[in-house]
Amino acid sequence: MWECDLNDWEWILSVNIMRVIHGLRSFVPLLLEQGEEGQIVNTSSGNGGRSPTRGLPIYARELVLGAMGEAGK
């Protein structure tokens, strides 16, 4: 974690987490307007529950995306 540059952290979090937030903010209102049930599917590599072998920023991304998916159920 201390070896990863802060700019790298910001880029990884912005690209990988904020894209999901922007997508949700764009599509949830459209789904609600239709008045029917719908689903949004976000995918990740599934490494959130494993040891951070690819680096902590990626591990953190996977955990956040997994938590966002669970919260939206």
PDB file of N, CA and C in Angstrom:
ATOM      1  N   MET A   1       0.832  -1.181   0.000  1.00  0.00           N
ATOM      2  CA  MET A   1       0.000   0.000   0.000  1.00  0.00           C
ATOM      3  C   MET A   1       0.877   1.245   0.000  1.00  0.00           C
ATOM      4  N   TRP A   2       1.915   1.272   0.773  1.00  0.00           N
ATOM      5  CA  TRP A   2       2.791   2.437   0.856  1.00  0.00           C
ATOM      6  C   TRP A   2       3.636   2.586  -0.395  1.00  0.00           C
ATOM      7  N   GLU A   3       3.756   1.505  -1.180  1.00  0.00           N
ATOM      8  CA  GLU A   3       4.552   1.567  -2.402  1.00  0.00           C
ATOM      9  C   GLU A   3       3.736   2.053  -3.596  1.00  0.00           C
ATOM     10  N   CYS A   4       2.444   2.048  -3.479  1.00  0.00           N
ATOM     11  CA  CYS A   4       1.579   2.489  -4.570  1.00  0.00           C
ATOM     12  C   CYS A   4       1.453   4.015  -4.513  1.00  0.00           C
ATOM     13  N   ASP A   5       1.746   4.643  -5.616  1.00  0.00           N
ATOM     14  CA  ASP A   5       1.668   6.089  -5.708  1.00  0.00           C
ATOM     15  C   ASP A   5       0.223   6.563  -5.490  1.00  0.00           C
ATOM     16  N   LEU A   6       0.050   7.667  -4.809  1.00  0.00           N
ATOM     17  CA  LEU A   6      -1.287   8.192  -4.530  1.00  0.00           C
ATOM     18  C   LEU A   6      -2.054   8.477  -5.818  1.00  0.00           C
ATOM     19  N   ASN A   7      -1.357   8.939  -6.843  1.00  0.00           N
ATOM     20  CA  ASN A   7      -2.023   9.178  -8.128  1.00  0.00           C
ATOM     21  C   ASN A   7      -2.565   7.883  -8.720  1.00  0.00           C
ATOM     22  N   ASP A   8      -1.841   6.780  -8.528  1.00  0.00           N
ATOM     23  CA  ASP A   8      -2.327   5.483  -9.002  1.00  0.00           C
ATOM     24  C   ASP A   8      -3.592   5.084  -8.256  1.00  0.00           C
ATOM     25  N   TRP A   9      -3.605   5.290  -6.939  1.00  0.00           N
ATOM     26  CA  TRP A   9      -4.806   4.996  -6.144  1.00  0.00           C
ATOM     27  C   TRP A   9      -5.995   5.790  -6.684  1.00  0.00           C
ATOM     28  N   GLU A  10      -5.793   7.086  -6.889  1.00  0.00           N
ATOM     29  CA  GLU A  10      -6.883   7.943  -7.357  1.00  0.00           C
ATOM     30  C   GLU A  10      -7.381   7.504  -8.724  1.00  0.00           C
ATOM     31  N   TRP A  11      -6.469   7.151  -9.623  1.00  0.00           N
ATOM     32  CA  TRP A  11      -6.861   6.720 -10.960  1.00  0.00           C
ATOM     33  C   TRP A  11      -7.644   5.413 -10.896  1.00  0.00           C
ATOM     34  N   ILE A  12      -7.151   4.446 -10.143  1.00  0.00           N
ATOM     35  CA  ILE A  12      -7.816   3.144 -10.034  1.00  0.00           C
ATOM     36  C   ILE A  12      -9.214   3.302  -9.447  1.00  0.00           C
ATOM     37  N   LEU A  13      -9.329   4.075  -8.379  1.00  0.00           N
ATOM     38  CA  LEU A  13     -10.635   4.269  -7.754  1.00  0.00           C
ATOM     39  C   LEU A  13     -11.583   5.040  -8.667  1.00  0.00           C
ATOM     40  N   SER A  14     -11.065   6.051  -9.347  1.00  0.00           N
ATOM     41  CA  SER A  14     -11.903   6.842 -10.241  1.00  0.00           C
ATOM     42  C   SER A  14     -12.410   6.007 -11.408  1.00  0.00           C
ATOM     43  N   VAL A  15     -11.521   5.304 -12.060  1.00  0.00           N
ATOM     44  CA  VAL A  15     -11.906   4.521 -13.236  1.00  0.00           C
ATOM     45  C   VAL A  15     -12.790   3.349 -12.854  1.00  0.00           C
ATOM     46  N   ASN A  16     -12.450   2.654 -11.803  1.00  0.00           N
ATOM     47  CA  ASN A  16     -13.104   1.388 -11.508  1.00  0.00           C
ATOM     48  C   ASN A  16     -14.310   1.478 -10.590  1.00  0.00           C
ATOM     49  N   ILE A  17     -14.392   2.479  -9.773  1.00  0.00           N
ATOM     50  CA  ILE A  17     -15.529   2.599  -8.862  1.00  0.00           C
ATOM     51  C   ILE A  17     -16.487   3.695  -9.327  1.00  0.00           C
ATOM     52  N   MET A  18     -15.949   4.826  -9.698  1.00  0.00           N
ATOM     53  CA  MET A  18     -16.818   5.917 -10.122  1.00  0.00           C
ATOM     54  C   MET A  18     -17.577   5.574 -11.398  1.00  0.00           C
ATOM     55  N   ARG A  19     -17.024   4.695 -12.247  1.00  0.00           N
ATOM     56  CA  ARG A  19     -17.753   4.306 -13.457  1.00  0.00           C
ATOM     57  C   ARG A  19     -19.054   3.599 -13.092  1.00  0.00           C
ATOM     58  N   VAL A  20     -19.017   2.810 -12.024  1.00  0.00           N
ATOM     59  CA  VAL A  20     -20.227   2.113 -11.581  1.00  0.00           C
ATOM     60  C   VAL A  20     -21.225   3.121 -11.020  1.00  0.00           C
ATOM     61  N   ILE A  21     -20.738   4.059 -10.239  1.00  0.00           N
ATOM     62  CA  ILE A  21     -21.618   5.078  -9.666  1.00  0.00           C
ATOM     63  C   ILE A  21     -22.260   5.912 -10.771  1.00  0.00           C
ATOM     64  N   HIS A  22     -21.468   6.329 -11.759  1.00  0.00           N
ATOM     65  CA  HIS A  22     -22.027   7.103 -12.877  1.00  0.00           C
ATOM     66  C   HIS A  22     -23.050   6.277 -13.659  1.00  0.00           C
ATOM     67  N   GLY A  23     -22.763   5.010 -13.860  1.00  0.00           N
ATOM     68  CA  GLY A  23     -23.707   4.134 -14.553  1.00  0.00           C
ATOM     69  C   GLY A  23     -25.017   3.997 -13.804  1.00  0.00           C
ATOM     70  N   LEU A  24     -24.930   3.802 -12.493  1.00  0.00           N
ATOM     71  CA  LEU A  24     -26.140   3.687 -11.680  1.00  0.00           C
ATOM     72  C   LEU A  24     -26.958   4.973 -11.721  1.00  0.00           C
ATOM     73  N   ARG A  25     -26.279   6.093 -11.607  1.00  0.00           N
ATOM     74  CA  ARG A  25     -26.986   7.379 -11.623  1.00  0.00           C
ATOM     75  C   ARG A  25     -27.648   7.642 -12.970  1.00  0.00           C
ATOM     76  N   SER A  26     -27.101   7.072 -14.028  1.00  0.00           N
ATOM     77  CA  SER A  26     -27.678   7.256 -15.361  1.00  0.00           C
ATOM     78  C   SER A  26     -28.855   6.329 -15.624  1.00  0.00           C
ATOM     79  N   PHE A  27     -28.736   5.073 -15.219  1.00  0.00           N
ATOM     80  CA  PHE A  27     -29.718   4.076 -15.631  1.00  0.00           C
ATOM     81  C   PHE A  27     -30.822   3.782 -14.623  1.00  0.00           C
ATOM     82  N   VAL A  28     -30.569   3.962 -13.338  1.00  0.00           N
ATOM     83  CA  VAL A  28     -31.627   3.685 -12.355  1.00  0.00           C
ATOM     84  C   VAL A  28     -32.845   4.578 -12.583  1.00  0.00           C
ATOM     85  N   PRO A  29     -32.681   5.877 -12.807  1.00  0.00           N
ATOM     86  CA  PRO A  29     -33.872   6.694 -13.071  1.00  0.00           C
ATOM     87  C   PRO A  29     -34.661   6.217 -14.297  1.00  0.00           C
ATOM     88  N   LEU A  30     -33.965   5.757 -15.335  1.00  0.00           N
ATOM     89  CA  LEU A  30     -34.647   5.252 -16.526  1.00  0.00           C
ATOM     90  C   LEU A  30     -35.440   3.992 -16.213  1.00  0.00           C
ATOM     91  N   LEU A  31     -34.855   3.116 -15.417  1.00  0.00           N
ATOM     92  CA  LEU A  31     -35.566   1.900 -15.025  1.00  0.00           C
ATOM     93  C   LEU A  31     -36.793   2.226 -14.183  1.00  0.00           C
ATOM     94  N   LEU A  32     -36.649   3.166 -13.265  1.00  0.00           N
ATOM     95  CA  LEU A  32     -37.770   3.539 -12.400  1.00  0.00           C
ATOM     96  C   LEU A  32     -38.905   4.179 -13.196  1.00  0.00           C
ATOM     97  N   GLU A  33     -38.563   4.967 -14.213  1.00  0.00           N
ATOM     98  CA  GLU A  33     -39.581   5.606 -15.049  1.00  0.00           C
ATOM     99  C   GLU A  33     -40.430   4.583 -15.791  1.00  0.00           C
ATOM    100  N   GLN A  34     -39.863   3.447 -16.124  1.00  0.00           N
ATOM    101  CA  GLN A  34     -40.596   2.425 -16.868  1.00  0.00           C
ATOM    102  C   GLN A  34     -41.653   1.745 -16.012  1.00  0.00           C
ATOM    103  N   GLY A  35     -41.506   1.816 -14.702  1.00  0.00           N
ATOM    104  CA  GLY A  35     -42.493   1.231 -13.812  1.00  0.00           C
ATOM    105  C   GLY A  35     -42.499  -0.290 -13.781  1.00  0.00           C
ATOM    106  N   GLU A  36     -41.493  -0.905 -14.332  1.00  0.00           N
ATOM    107  CA  GLU A  36     -41.376  -2.364 -14.321  1.00  0.00           C
ATOM    108  C   GLU A  36     -40.090  -2.752 -13.606  1.00  0.00           C
ATOM    109  N   GLU A  37     -40.040  -4.002 -13.180  1.00  0.00           N
ATOM    110  CA  GLU A  37     -38.810  -4.478 -12.555  1.00  0.00           C
ATOM    111  C   GLU A  37     -37.701  -4.555 -13.592  1.00  0.00           C
ATOM    112  N   GLY A  38     -36.506  -4.300 -13.151  1.00  0.00           N
ATOM    113  CA  GLY A  38     -35.344  -4.396 -14.031  1.00  0.00           C
ATOM    114  C   GLY A  38     -34.117  -4.729 -13.217  1.00  0.00           C
ATOM    115  N   GLN A  39     -33.059  -5.013 -13.894  1.00  0.00           N
ATOM    116  CA  GLN A  39     -31.807  -5.349 -13.221  1.00  0.00           C
ATOM    117  C   GLN A  39     -30.652  -4.626 -13.881  1.00  0.00           C
ATOM    118  N   ILE A  40     -29.702  -4.256 -13.067  1.00  0.00           N
ATOM    119  CA  ILE A  40     -28.432  -3.729 -13.543  1.00  0.00           C
ATOM    120  C   ILE A  40     -27.370  -4.714 -13.102  1.00  0.00           C
ATOM    121  N   VAL A  41     -26.524  -5.105 -14.018  1.00  0.00           N
ATOM    122  CA  VAL A  41     -25.481  -6.077 -13.712  1.00  0.00           C
ATOM    123  C   VAL A  41     -24.128  -5.387 -13.791  1.00  0.00           C
ATOM    124  N   ASN A  42     -23.413  -5.379 -12.678  1.00  0.00           N
ATOM    125  CA  ASN A  42     -22.038  -4.895 -12.639  1.00  0.00           C
ATOM    126  C   ASN A  42     -21.142  -6.106 -12.453  1.00  0.00           C
ATOM    127  N   THR A  43     -20.060  -6.142 -13.182  1.00  0.00           N
ATOM    128  CA  THR A  43     -19.166  -7.292 -13.086  1.00  0.00           C
ATOM    129  C   THR A  43     -17.820  -6.878 -12.519  1.00  0.00           C
ATOM    130  N   SER A  44     -17.166  -7.817 -11.899  1.00  0.00           N
ATOM    131  CA  SER A  44     -15.795  -7.626 -11.433  1.00  0.00           C
ATOM    132  C   SER A  44     -15.109  -8.976 -11.528  1.00  0.00           C
ATOM    133  N   SER A  45     -13.841  -9.003 -11.220  1.00  0.00           N
ATOM    134  CA  SER A  45     -13.082 -10.238 -11.401  1.00  0.00           C
ATOM    135  C   SER A  45     -13.361 -11.267 -10.314  1.00  0.00           C
ATOM    136  N   GLY A  46     -13.977 -10.856  -9.225  1.00  0.00           N
ATOM    137  CA  GLY A  46     -14.239 -11.794  -8.137  1.00  0.00           C
ATOM    138  C   GLY A  46     -13.080 -11.956  -7.179  1.00  0.00           C
ATOM    139  N   ASN A  47     -12.071 -11.140  -7.309  1.00  0.00           N
ATOM    140  CA  ASN A  47     -10.905 -11.243  -6.433  1.00  0.00           C
ATOM    141  C   ASN A  47     -11.091 -10.543  -5.099  1.00  0.00           C
ATOM    142  N   GLY A  48     -12.243  -9.963  -4.855  1.00  0.00           N
ATOM    143  CA  GLY A  48     -12.475  -9.229  -3.619  1.00  0.00           C
ATOM    144  C   GLY A  48     -12.416 -10.086  -2.373  1.00  0.00           C
ATOM    145  N   GLY A  49     -12.688 -11.353  -2.486  1.00  0.00           N
ATOM    146  CA  GLY A  49     -12.662 -12.222  -1.318  1.00  0.00           C
ATOM    147  C   GLY A  49     -11.373 -12.994  -1.164  1.00  0.00           C
ATOM    148  N   ARG A  50     -10.396 -12.655  -1.963  1.00  0.00           N
ATOM    149  CA  ARG A  50      -9.125 -13.380  -1.941  1.00  0.00           C
ATOM    150  C   ARG A  50      -7.999 -12.471  -1.471  1.00  0.00           C
ATOM    151  N   SER A  51      -6.878 -13.074  -1.251  1.00  0.00           N
ATOM    152  CA  SER A  51      -5.688 -12.319  -0.862  1.00  0.00           C
ATOM    153  C   SER A  51      -5.318 -11.342  -1.978  1.00  0.00           C
ATOM    154  N   PRO A  52      -4.876 -10.140  -1.615  1.00  0.00           N
ATOM    155  CA  PRO A  52      -4.562  -9.133  -2.634  1.00  0.00           C
ATOM    156  C   PRO A  52      -3.269  -9.442  -3.393  1.00  0.00           C
ATOM    157  N   THR A  53      -3.306 -10.470  -4.234  1.00  0.00           N
ATOM    158  CA  THR A  53      -2.105 -10.867  -4.960  1.00  0.00           C
ATOM    159  C   THR A  53      -1.753  -9.911  -6.084  1.00  0.00           C
ATOM    160  N   ARG A  54      -2.732  -9.182  -6.613  1.00  0.00           N
ATOM    161  CA  ARG A  54      -2.471  -8.261  -7.719  1.00  0.00           C
ATOM    162  C   ARG A  54      -2.266  -6.832  -7.239  1.00  0.00           C
ATOM    163  N   GLY A  55      -2.184  -6.623  -5.970  1.00  0.00           N
ATOM    164  CA  GLY A  55      -1.991  -5.282  -5.447  1.00  0.00           C
ATOM    165  C   GLY A  55      -3.218  -4.784  -4.712  1.00  0.00           C
ATOM    166  N   LEU A  56      -2.971  -4.031  -3.699  1.00  0.00           N
ATOM    167  CA  LEU A  56      -4.043  -3.557  -2.833  1.00  0.00           C
ATOM    168  C   LEU A  56      -5.078  -2.688  -3.539  1.00  0.00           C
ATOM    169  N   PRO A  57      -4.704  -1.788  -4.451  1.00  0.00           N
ATOM    170  CA  PRO A  57      -5.744  -0.989  -5.111  1.00  0.00           C
ATOM    171  C   PRO A  57      -6.763  -1.844  -5.867  1.00  0.00           C
ATOM    172  N   ILE A  58      -6.305  -2.884  -6.529  1.00  0.00           N
ATOM    173  CA  ILE A  58      -7.218  -3.764  -7.258  1.00  0.00           C
ATOM    174  C   ILE A  58      -8.096  -4.525  -6.273  1.00  0.00           C
ATOM    175  N   TYR A  59      -7.510  -4.993  -5.197  1.00  0.00           N
ATOM    176  CA  TYR A  59      -8.243  -5.708  -4.152  1.00  0.00           C
ATOM    177  C   TYR A  59      -9.329  -4.805  -3.562  1.00  0.00           C
ATOM    178  N   ALA A  60      -8.971  -3.551  -3.285  1.00  0.00           N
ATOM    179  CA  ALA A  60      -9.937  -2.595  -2.733  1.00  0.00           C
ATOM    180  C   ALA A  60     -11.076  -2.364  -3.718  1.00  0.00           C
ATOM    181  N   ARG A  61     -10.745  -2.252  -4.983  1.00  0.00           N
ATOM    182  CA  ARG A  61     -11.768  -2.065  -6.014  1.00  0.00           C
ATOM    183  C   ARG A  61     -12.766  -3.215  -6.001  1.00  0.00           C
ATOM    184  N   GLU A  62     -12.265  -4.431  -5.943  1.00  0.00           N
ATOM    185  CA  GLU A  62     -13.131  -5.605  -5.975  1.00  0.00           C
ATOM    186  C   GLU A  62     -14.048  -5.648  -4.752  1.00  0.00           C
ATOM    187  N   LEU A  63     -13.520  -5.285  -3.594  1.00  0.00           N
ATOM    188  CA  LEU A  63     -14.342  -5.267  -2.386  1.00  0.00           C
ATOM    189  C   LEU A  63     -15.460  -4.234  -2.485  1.00  0.00           C
ATOM    190  N   VAL A  64     -15.124  -3.048  -2.974  1.00  0.00           N
ATOM    191  CA  VAL A  64     -16.128  -1.991  -3.089  1.00  0.00           C
ATOM    192  C   VAL A  64     -17.204  -2.380  -4.096  1.00  0.00           C
ATOM    193  N   LEU A  65     -16.807  -2.896  -5.252  1.00  0.00           N
ATOM    194  CA  LEU A  65     -17.795  -3.276  -6.259  1.00  0.00           C
ATOM    195  C   LEU A  65     -18.690  -4.400  -5.752  1.00  0.00           C
ATOM    196  N   GLY A  66     -18.117  -5.343  -5.026  1.00  0.00           N
ATOM    197  CA  GLY A  66     -18.921  -6.417  -4.447  1.00  0.00           C
ATOM    198  C   GLY A  66     -19.922  -5.888  -3.437  1.00  0.00           C
ATOM    199  N   ALA A  67     -19.479  -4.963  -2.596  1.00  0.00           N
ATOM    200  CA  ALA A  67     -20.368  -4.375  -1.591  1.00  0.00           C
ATOM    201  C   ALA A  67     -21.481  -3.564  -2.247  1.00  0.00           C
ATOM    202  N   MET A  68     -21.160  -2.841  -3.322  1.00  0.00           N
ATOM    203  CA  MET A  68     -22.182  -2.065  -4.023  1.00  0.00           C
ATOM    204  C   MET A  68     -23.232  -2.991  -4.623  1.00  0.00           C
ATOM    205  N   GLY A  69     -22.797  -4.108  -5.161  1.00  0.00           N
ATOM    206  CA  GLY A  69     -23.739  -5.066  -5.725  1.00  0.00           C
ATOM    207  C   GLY A  69     -24.655  -5.654  -4.678  1.00  0.00           C
ATOM    208  N   GLU A  70     -24.101  -5.988  -3.531  1.00  0.00           N
ATOM    209  CA  GLU A  70     -24.911  -6.548  -2.444  1.00  0.00           C
ATOM    210  C   GLU A  70     -25.897  -5.514  -1.913  1.00  0.00           C
ATOM    211  N   ALA A  71     -25.474  -4.272  -1.824  1.00  0.00           N
ATOM    212  CA  ALA A  71     -26.345  -3.217  -1.299  1.00  0.00           C
ATOM    213  C   ALA A  71     -27.520  -2.940  -2.228  1.00  0.00           C
ATOM    214  N   GLY A  72     -27.324  -3.176  -3.515  1.00  0.00           N
ATOM    215  CA  GLY A  72     -28.377  -2.891  -4.482  1.00  0.00           C
ATOM    216  C   GLY A  72     -29.413  -3.989  -4.638  1.00  0.00           C
ATOM    217  N   LYS A  73     -29.244  -5.102  -3.931  1.00  0.00           N
ATOM    218  CA  LYS A  73     -30.196  -6.214  -4.075  1.00  0.00           C
ATOM    219  C   LYS A  73     -31.517  -5.901  -3.405  1.00  0.00           C
TER     220      LYS A  73
END
